Amino acid sequence: MVCINAAPAKEMPAELAPLIDILIVNQVEASEIAHMQVEDLAQAKIAADVLQQRFPQVIVTAGGDGVAYASAQGSGTLPAHKVKVVSTHGAGDCFVGHLCARLCQGDDLKTAVEFANARAAEHVSTVHEDALL
């Protein structure tokens, strides 16, 4: 299974797209790849549905608004967990890492997204000692 976090946003070679099983993008990247405006969770859901026509599974993160996902099994949104944000540094990496780990353990997309969403919220609300060095 090939999962790509298409960051930073740039033109994707046409021969790469058919090799991707899961596309993960944020609002900026979704706007670029889907050729549409993505500024909130509702637009992230629309972008995920549009991109799912090109990729088997799509996740569009919308920062403090939440996350949208789409696959052949369905699509939906999850609101962001309400936490006191300490730093957003590494939030995307945390999300993608936990998502891929759960998918490798056999979770379906929605369950993996729910888990990764919670872990990313925990991450942004925690002081990381290594970041203070």
N, C-alpha and C. Protein backbone atom coordinates (compact mmCIF):
# COMPACT_ATOMS: atom_id res chain seq x y z
N MET A 1 0.85 -1.17 0.00
CA MET A 1 0.00 0.00 0.00
C MET A 1 0.90 1.24 0.00
N VAL A 2 0.59 2.19 -0.85
CA VAL A 2 1.37 3.42 -0.95
C VAL A 2 0.53 4.58 -0.43
N CYS A 3 1.07 5.22 0.58
CA CYS A 3 0.43 6.39 1.19
C CYS A 3 1.36 7.57 0.97
N ILE A 4 0.84 8.65 0.41
CA ILE A 4 1.67 9.82 0.18
C ILE A 4 1.05 11.04 0.84
N ASN A 5 1.89 11.73 1.59
CA ASN A 5 1.52 13.02 2.17
C ASN A 5 2.08 14.05 1.20
N ALA A 6 1.25 14.59 0.34
CA ALA A 6 1.69 15.46 -0.75
C ALA A 6 2.01 16.86 -0.23
N ALA A 7 3.09 16.94 0.51
CA ALA A 7 3.51 18.22 1.08
C ALA A 7 4.98 18.44 0.76
N PRO A 8 5.35 19.61 0.35
CA PRO A 8 4.50 20.78 0.10
C PRO A 8 3.75 20.64 -1.23
N ALA A 9 2.76 21.47 -1.40
CA ALA A 9 1.93 21.42 -2.60
C ALA A 9 2.77 21.76 -3.83
N LYS A 10 2.73 20.87 -4.80
CA LYS A 10 3.36 21.12 -6.09
C LYS A 10 2.72 20.19 -7.11
N GLU A 11 2.97 20.46 -8.36
CA GLU A 11 2.37 19.64 -9.42
C GLU A 11 2.85 18.19 -9.30
N MET A 12 1.90 17.26 -9.34
CA MET A 12 2.21 15.85 -9.21
C MET A 12 2.37 15.23 -10.60
N PRO A 13 3.47 14.53 -10.84
CA PRO A 13 3.63 13.89 -12.15
C PRO A 13 2.47 12.92 -12.43
N ALA A 14 1.99 12.92 -13.64
CA ALA A 14 0.84 12.10 -14.02
C ALA A 14 1.09 10.61 -13.76
N GLU A 15 2.32 10.15 -13.94
CA GLU A 15 2.61 8.73 -13.75
C GLU A 15 2.64 8.33 -12.27
N LEU A 16 2.67 9.29 -11.36
CA LEU A 16 2.68 8.98 -9.93
C LEU A 16 1.28 8.66 -9.40
N ALA A 17 0.28 9.38 -9.84
CA ALA A 17 -1.08 9.25 -9.32
C ALA A 17 -1.61 7.81 -9.29
N PRO A 18 -1.46 7.02 -10.35
CA PRO A 18 -2.01 5.65 -10.32
C PRO A 18 -1.34 4.73 -9.31
N LEU A 19 -0.19 5.13 -8.78
CA LEU A 19 0.54 4.30 -7.83
C LEU A 19 0.13 4.57 -6.39
N ILE A 20 -0.67 5.60 -6.17
CA ILE A 20 -1.02 6.03 -4.81
C ILE A 20 -2.32 5.38 -4.35
N ASP A 21 -2.27 4.75 -3.18
CA ASP A 21 -3.46 4.15 -2.58
C ASP A 21 -4.17 5.13 -1.65
N ILE A 22 -3.38 5.93 -0.93
CA ILE A 22 -3.94 6.89 0.02
C ILE A 22 -3.23 8.23 -0.17
N LEU A 23 -4.00 9.25 -0.49
CA LEU A 23 -3.48 10.60 -0.62
C LEU A 23 -3.86 11.39 0.62
N ILE A 24 -2.87 12.00 1.26
CA ILE A 24 -3.12 12.85 2.43
C ILE A 24 -2.63 14.25 2.10
N VAL A 25 -3.52 15.22 2.24
CA VAL A 25 -3.18 16.61 1.96
C VAL A 25 -3.83 17.52 3.00
N ASN A 26 -3.25 18.71 3.16
CA ASN A 26 -3.91 19.71 3.99
C ASN A 26 -4.74 20.61 3.08
N GLN A 27 -5.31 21.65 3.63
CA GLN A 27 -6.19 22.53 2.85
C GLN A 27 -5.47 23.17 1.67
N VAL A 28 -4.25 23.63 1.90
CA VAL A 28 -3.49 24.29 0.83
C VAL A 28 -3.20 23.30 -0.29
N GLU A 29 -2.75 22.13 0.08
CA GLU A 29 -2.42 21.10 -0.91
C GLU A 29 -3.66 20.61 -1.64
N ALA A 30 -4.76 20.46 -0.91
CA ALA A 30 -6.02 20.05 -1.54
C ALA A 30 -6.48 21.09 -2.55
N SER A 31 -6.34 22.36 -2.19
CA SER A 31 -6.71 23.43 -3.12
C SER A 31 -5.92 23.32 -4.42
N GLU A 32 -4.62 23.07 -4.28
CA GLU A 32 -3.73 22.97 -5.44
C GLU A 32 -4.06 21.75 -6.30
N ILE A 33 -4.21 20.60 -5.68
CA ILE A 33 -4.40 19.35 -6.44
C ILE A 33 -5.82 19.22 -6.98
N ALA A 34 -6.81 19.67 -6.21
CA ALA A 34 -8.21 19.55 -6.64
C ALA A 34 -8.66 20.76 -7.47
N HIS A 35 -7.81 21.78 -7.55
CA HIS A 35 -8.12 23.00 -8.31
C HIS A 35 -9.41 23.65 -7.81
N MET A 36 -9.48 23.81 -6.48
CA MET A 36 -10.65 24.43 -5.88
C MET A 36 -10.26 25.09 -4.56
N GLN A 37 -11.09 25.97 -4.09
CA GLN A 37 -10.84 26.64 -2.82
C GLN A 37 -11.19 25.71 -1.66
N VAL A 38 -10.27 25.58 -0.70
CA VAL A 38 -10.51 24.76 0.49
C VAL A 38 -10.11 25.59 1.70
N GLU A 39 -11.12 26.13 2.38
CA GLU A 39 -10.85 27.01 3.53
C GLU A 39 -11.52 26.56 4.82
N ASP A 40 -12.34 25.51 4.75
CA ASP A 40 -13.00 25.03 5.97
C ASP A 40 -13.29 23.54 5.83
N LEU A 41 -13.89 22.97 6.85
CA LEU A 41 -14.12 21.52 6.86
C LEU A 41 -15.13 21.09 5.78
N ALA A 42 -16.14 21.90 5.53
CA ALA A 42 -17.11 21.55 4.48
C ALA A 42 -16.44 21.51 3.11
N GLN A 43 -15.58 22.46 2.84
CA GLN A 43 -14.86 22.47 1.56
C GLN A 43 -13.82 21.35 1.52
N ALA A 44 -13.25 21.00 2.67
CA ALA A 44 -12.31 19.88 2.73
C ALA A 44 -13.02 18.58 2.35
N LYS A 45 -14.26 18.41 2.79
CA LYS A 45 -15.05 17.22 2.45
C LYS A 45 -15.32 17.16 0.95
N ILE A 46 -15.67 18.30 0.38
CA ILE A 46 -15.91 18.34 -1.07
C ILE A 46 -14.63 18.00 -1.82
N ALA A 47 -13.51 18.57 -1.38
CA ALA A 47 -12.22 18.29 -2.02
C ALA A 47 -11.87 16.81 -1.90
N ALA A 48 -12.11 16.21 -0.73
CA ALA A 48 -11.82 14.78 -0.55
C ALA A 48 -12.65 13.95 -1.52
N ASP A 49 -13.92 14.30 -1.67
CA ASP A 49 -14.79 13.57 -2.60
C ASP A 49 -14.32 13.74 -4.05
N VAL A 50 -13.91 14.95 -4.41
CA VAL A 50 -13.40 15.21 -5.77
C VAL A 50 -12.12 14.42 -6.01
N LEU A 51 -11.20 14.48 -5.05
CA LEU A 51 -9.92 13.79 -5.20
C LEU A 51 -10.08 12.27 -5.17
N GLN A 52 -11.11 11.78 -4.52
CA GLN A 52 -11.33 10.33 -4.45
C GLN A 52 -11.70 9.76 -5.82
N GLN A 53 -12.05 10.60 -6.75
CA GLN A 53 -12.28 10.15 -8.12
C GLN A 53 -10.96 9.78 -8.80
N ARG A 54 -9.84 10.31 -8.26
CA ARG A 54 -8.51 10.06 -8.83
C ARG A 54 -7.66 9.13 -7.98
N PHE A 55 -7.96 9.06 -6.68
CA PHE A 55 -7.17 8.26 -5.74
C PHE A 55 -8.12 7.38 -4.93
N PRO A 56 -7.75 6.13 -4.64
CA PRO A 56 -8.66 5.23 -3.92
C PRO A 56 -9.13 5.74 -2.55
N GLN A 57 -8.22 6.35 -1.81
CA GLN A 57 -8.56 6.88 -0.48
C GLN A 57 -7.91 8.24 -0.33
N VAL A 58 -8.65 9.19 0.24
CA VAL A 58 -8.17 10.57 0.36
C VAL A 58 -8.48 11.10 1.75
N ILE A 59 -7.51 11.82 2.30
CA ILE A 59 -7.71 12.51 3.57
C ILE A 59 -7.30 13.96 3.37
N VAL A 60 -8.16 14.87 3.79
CA VAL A 60 -7.85 16.30 3.74
C VAL A 60 -7.92 16.84 5.16
N THR A 61 -6.76 17.23 5.68
CA THR A 61 -6.74 17.80 7.03
C THR A 61 -7.08 19.27 6.94
N ALA A 62 -7.85 19.72 7.92
CA ALA A 62 -8.30 21.12 7.93
C ALA A 62 -7.93 21.80 9.24
N GLY A 63 -6.77 21.47 9.76
CA GLY A 63 -6.26 22.13 10.96
C GLY A 63 -7.24 22.08 12.12
N GLY A 64 -7.48 23.24 12.70
CA GLY A 64 -8.37 23.35 13.85
C GLY A 64 -9.83 23.07 13.56
N ASP A 65 -10.17 22.92 12.28
CA ASP A 65 -11.56 22.58 11.92
C ASP A 65 -11.81 21.08 11.97
N GLY A 66 -10.78 20.29 11.68
CA GLY A 66 -10.95 18.84 11.69
C GLY A 66 -10.34 18.19 10.48
N VAL A 67 -10.94 17.09 10.04
CA VAL A 67 -10.39 16.30 8.95
C VAL A 67 -11.53 15.68 8.14
N ALA A 68 -11.33 15.61 6.83
CA ALA A 68 -12.30 14.96 5.93
C ALA A 68 -11.62 13.76 5.29
N TYR A 69 -12.42 12.75 4.97
CA TYR A 69 -11.86 11.55 4.34
C TYR A 69 -12.87 11.02 3.32
N ALA A 70 -12.35 10.30 2.34
CA ALA A 70 -13.21 9.71 1.32
C ALA A 70 -12.57 8.44 0.79
N SER A 71 -13.40 7.43 0.57
CA SER A 71 -12.98 6.18 -0.05
C SER A 71 -14.20 5.55 -0.68
N ALA A 72 -14.02 4.42 -1.34
CA ALA A 72 -15.14 3.71 -1.94
C ALA A 72 -16.15 3.26 -0.88
N GLN A 73 -15.70 3.11 0.37
CA GLN A 73 -16.58 2.68 1.46
C GLN A 73 -17.39 3.84 2.05
N GLY A 74 -17.08 5.06 1.64
CA GLY A 74 -17.82 6.21 2.14
C GLY A 74 -16.91 7.38 2.45
N SER A 75 -17.54 8.48 2.81
CA SER A 75 -16.77 9.67 3.13
C SER A 75 -17.42 10.35 4.33
N GLY A 76 -16.66 11.24 4.93
CA GLY A 76 -17.19 11.95 6.09
C GLY A 76 -16.20 12.97 6.61
N THR A 77 -16.56 13.54 7.74
CA THR A 77 -15.71 14.51 8.41
C THR A 77 -15.67 14.20 9.89
N LEU A 78 -14.60 14.62 10.52
CA LEU A 78 -14.46 14.54 11.97
C LEU A 78 -14.04 15.92 12.45
N PRO A 79 -14.70 16.45 13.46
CA PRO A 79 -14.27 17.74 13.99
C PRO A 79 -12.94 17.60 14.71
N ALA A 80 -12.22 18.69 14.79
CA ALA A 80 -10.98 18.69 15.57
C ALA A 80 -11.33 18.55 17.04
N HIS A 81 -10.47 17.89 17.78
CA HIS A 81 -10.62 17.83 19.23
C HIS A 81 -10.30 19.22 19.78
N LYS A 82 -11.10 19.70 20.68
CA LYS A 82 -10.87 21.03 21.26
C LYS A 82 -9.83 20.92 22.36
N VAL A 83 -8.64 21.44 22.07
CA VAL A 83 -7.53 21.40 23.02
C VAL A 83 -6.86 22.77 23.04
N LYS A 84 -6.10 23.01 24.09
CA LYS A 84 -5.29 24.22 24.15
C LYS A 84 -4.03 23.94 23.34
N VAL A 85 -3.84 24.68 22.27
CA VAL A 85 -2.72 24.44 21.37
C VAL A 85 -1.45 25.07 21.94
N VAL A 86 -0.43 24.23 22.08
CA VAL A 86 0.89 24.68 22.52
C VAL A 86 1.74 24.97 21.29
N SER A 87 1.74 24.06 20.33
CA SER A 87 2.49 24.22 19.08
C SER A 87 1.92 23.26 18.04
N THR A 88 1.80 23.72 16.83
CA THR A 88 1.34 22.85 15.75
C THR A 88 2.51 22.18 15.03
N HIS A 89 3.73 22.48 15.46
CA HIS A 89 4.91 21.88 14.84
C HIS A 89 4.85 20.35 14.92
N GLY A 90 4.91 19.70 13.79
CA GLY A 90 4.91 18.24 13.74
C GLY A 90 3.53 17.59 13.76
N ALA A 91 2.48 18.40 13.77
CA ALA A 91 1.12 17.84 13.84
C ALA A 91 0.81 16.94 12.65
N GLY A 92 1.19 17.38 11.46
CA GLY A 92 0.92 16.58 10.27
C GLY A 92 1.68 15.27 10.28
N ASP A 93 2.94 15.32 10.67
CA ASP A 93 3.74 14.10 10.74
C ASP A 93 3.16 13.13 11.77
N CYS A 94 2.74 13.67 12.91
CA CYS A 94 2.12 12.85 13.95
C CYS A 94 0.85 12.18 13.40
N PHE A 95 0.01 12.96 12.73
CA PHE A 95 -1.23 12.44 12.15
C PHE A 95 -0.94 11.32 11.17
N VAL A 96 -0.04 11.58 10.21
CA VAL A 96 0.25 10.60 9.16
C VAL A 96 0.86 9.33 9.75
N GLY A 97 1.77 9.48 10.69
CA GLY A 97 2.40 8.31 11.31
C GLY A 97 1.40 7.43 12.02
N HIS A 98 0.53 8.04 12.81
CA HIS A 98 -0.47 7.24 13.53
C HIS A 98 -1.51 6.65 12.57
N LEU A 99 -1.88 7.39 11.55
CA LEU A 99 -2.83 6.88 10.56
C LEU A 99 -2.25 5.63 9.88
N CYS A 100 -1.02 5.71 9.40
CA CYS A 100 -0.42 4.58 8.70
C CYS A 100 -0.23 3.38 9.65
N ALA A 101 0.14 3.66 10.89
CA ALA A 101 0.30 2.56 11.85
C ALA A 101 -1.01 1.82 12.05
N ARG A 102 -2.10 2.56 12.18
CA ARG A 102 -3.40 1.92 12.40
C ARG A 102 -3.88 1.18 11.14
N LEU A 103 -3.62 1.73 9.98
CA LEU A 103 -3.98 1.02 8.75
C LEU A 103 -3.19 -0.28 8.63
N CYS A 104 -1.91 -0.26 9.01
CA CYS A 104 -1.09 -1.48 8.99
C CYS A 104 -1.61 -2.52 9.98
N GLN A 105 -2.27 -2.06 11.04
CA GLN A 105 -2.84 -2.98 12.03
C GLN A 105 -4.21 -3.50 11.60
N GLY A 106 -4.71 -3.02 10.45
CA GLY A 106 -5.96 -3.54 9.91
C GLY A 106 -7.18 -2.67 10.10
N ASP A 107 -7.02 -1.48 10.68
CA ASP A 107 -8.17 -0.58 10.83
C ASP A 107 -8.69 -0.14 9.47
N ASP A 108 -9.99 0.13 9.39
CA ASP A 108 -10.53 0.75 8.19
C ASP A 108 -10.15 2.23 8.21
N LEU A 109 -10.39 2.92 7.10
CA LEU A 109 -9.96 4.32 6.97
C LEU A 109 -10.57 5.20 8.04
N LYS A 110 -11.86 5.11 8.26
CA LYS A 110 -12.52 5.98 9.24
C LYS A 110 -11.94 5.77 10.64
N THR A 111 -11.76 4.53 11.04
CA THR A 111 -11.22 4.24 12.37
C THR A 111 -9.80 4.75 12.51
N ALA A 112 -8.99 4.56 11.46
CA ALA A 112 -7.60 5.05 11.49
C ALA A 112 -7.57 6.58 11.54
N VAL A 113 -8.45 7.23 10.82
CA VAL A 113 -8.52 8.70 10.84
C VAL A 113 -8.93 9.19 12.23
N GLU A 114 -9.90 8.52 12.83
CA GLU A 114 -10.33 8.91 14.19
C GLU A 114 -9.16 8.82 15.17
N PHE A 115 -8.40 7.74 15.09
CA PHE A 115 -7.26 7.55 16.00
C PHE A 115 -6.20 8.62 15.74
N ALA A 116 -5.84 8.83 14.48
CA ALA A 116 -4.81 9.80 14.13
C ALA A 116 -5.23 11.22 14.51
N ASN A 117 -6.50 11.53 14.34
CA ASN A 117 -7.03 12.84 14.71
C ASN A 117 -6.84 13.08 16.21
N ALA A 118 -7.13 12.08 17.01
CA ALA A 118 -6.98 12.20 18.46
C ALA A 118 -5.51 12.34 18.85
N ARG A 119 -4.63 11.56 18.21
CA ARG A 119 -3.21 11.63 18.55
C ARG A 119 -2.61 12.97 18.13
N ALA A 120 -3.05 13.51 17.00
CA ALA A 120 -2.55 14.82 16.57
C ALA A 120 -3.00 15.92 17.53
N ALA A 121 -4.23 15.82 18.04
CA ALA A 121 -4.72 16.79 19.02
C ALA A 121 -3.89 16.72 20.30
N GLU A 122 -3.59 15.51 20.71
CA GLU A 122 -2.74 15.31 21.89
C GLU A 122 -1.36 15.93 21.65
N HIS A 123 -0.84 15.73 20.45
CA HIS A 123 0.49 16.24 20.10
C HIS A 123 0.54 17.77 20.15
N VAL A 124 -0.43 18.45 19.55
CA VAL A 124 -0.38 19.92 19.51
C VAL A 124 -0.63 20.55 20.87
N SER A 125 -1.17 19.78 21.81
CA SER A 125 -1.46 20.32 23.14
C SER A 125 -0.41 19.94 24.17
N THR A 126 0.71 19.39 23.71
CA THR A 126 1.76 18.91 24.60
C THR A 126 3.06 19.65 24.35
N VAL A 127 3.76 20.00 25.42
CA VAL A 127 5.09 20.58 25.28
C VAL A 127 6.07 19.45 25.02
N HIS A 128 6.83 19.57 23.95
CA HIS A 128 7.80 18.54 23.58
C HIS A 128 9.18 19.05 23.94
N GLU A 129 9.83 18.40 24.89
CA GLU A 129 11.12 18.85 25.40
C GLU A 129 12.16 19.02 24.31
N ASP A 130 12.17 18.11 23.32
CA ASP A 130 13.17 18.21 22.25
C ASP A 130 12.97 19.46 21.40
N ALA A 131 11.76 19.98 21.34
CA ALA A 131 11.49 21.19 20.58
C ALA A 131 12.03 22.44 21.28
N LEU A 132 12.32 22.32 22.55
CA LEU A 132 12.80 23.46 23.33
C LEU A 132 14.32 23.62 23.24
N LEU A 133 15.01 22.63 22.69
CA LEU A 133 16.47 22.68 22.60
C LEU A 133 16.96 23.66 21.56
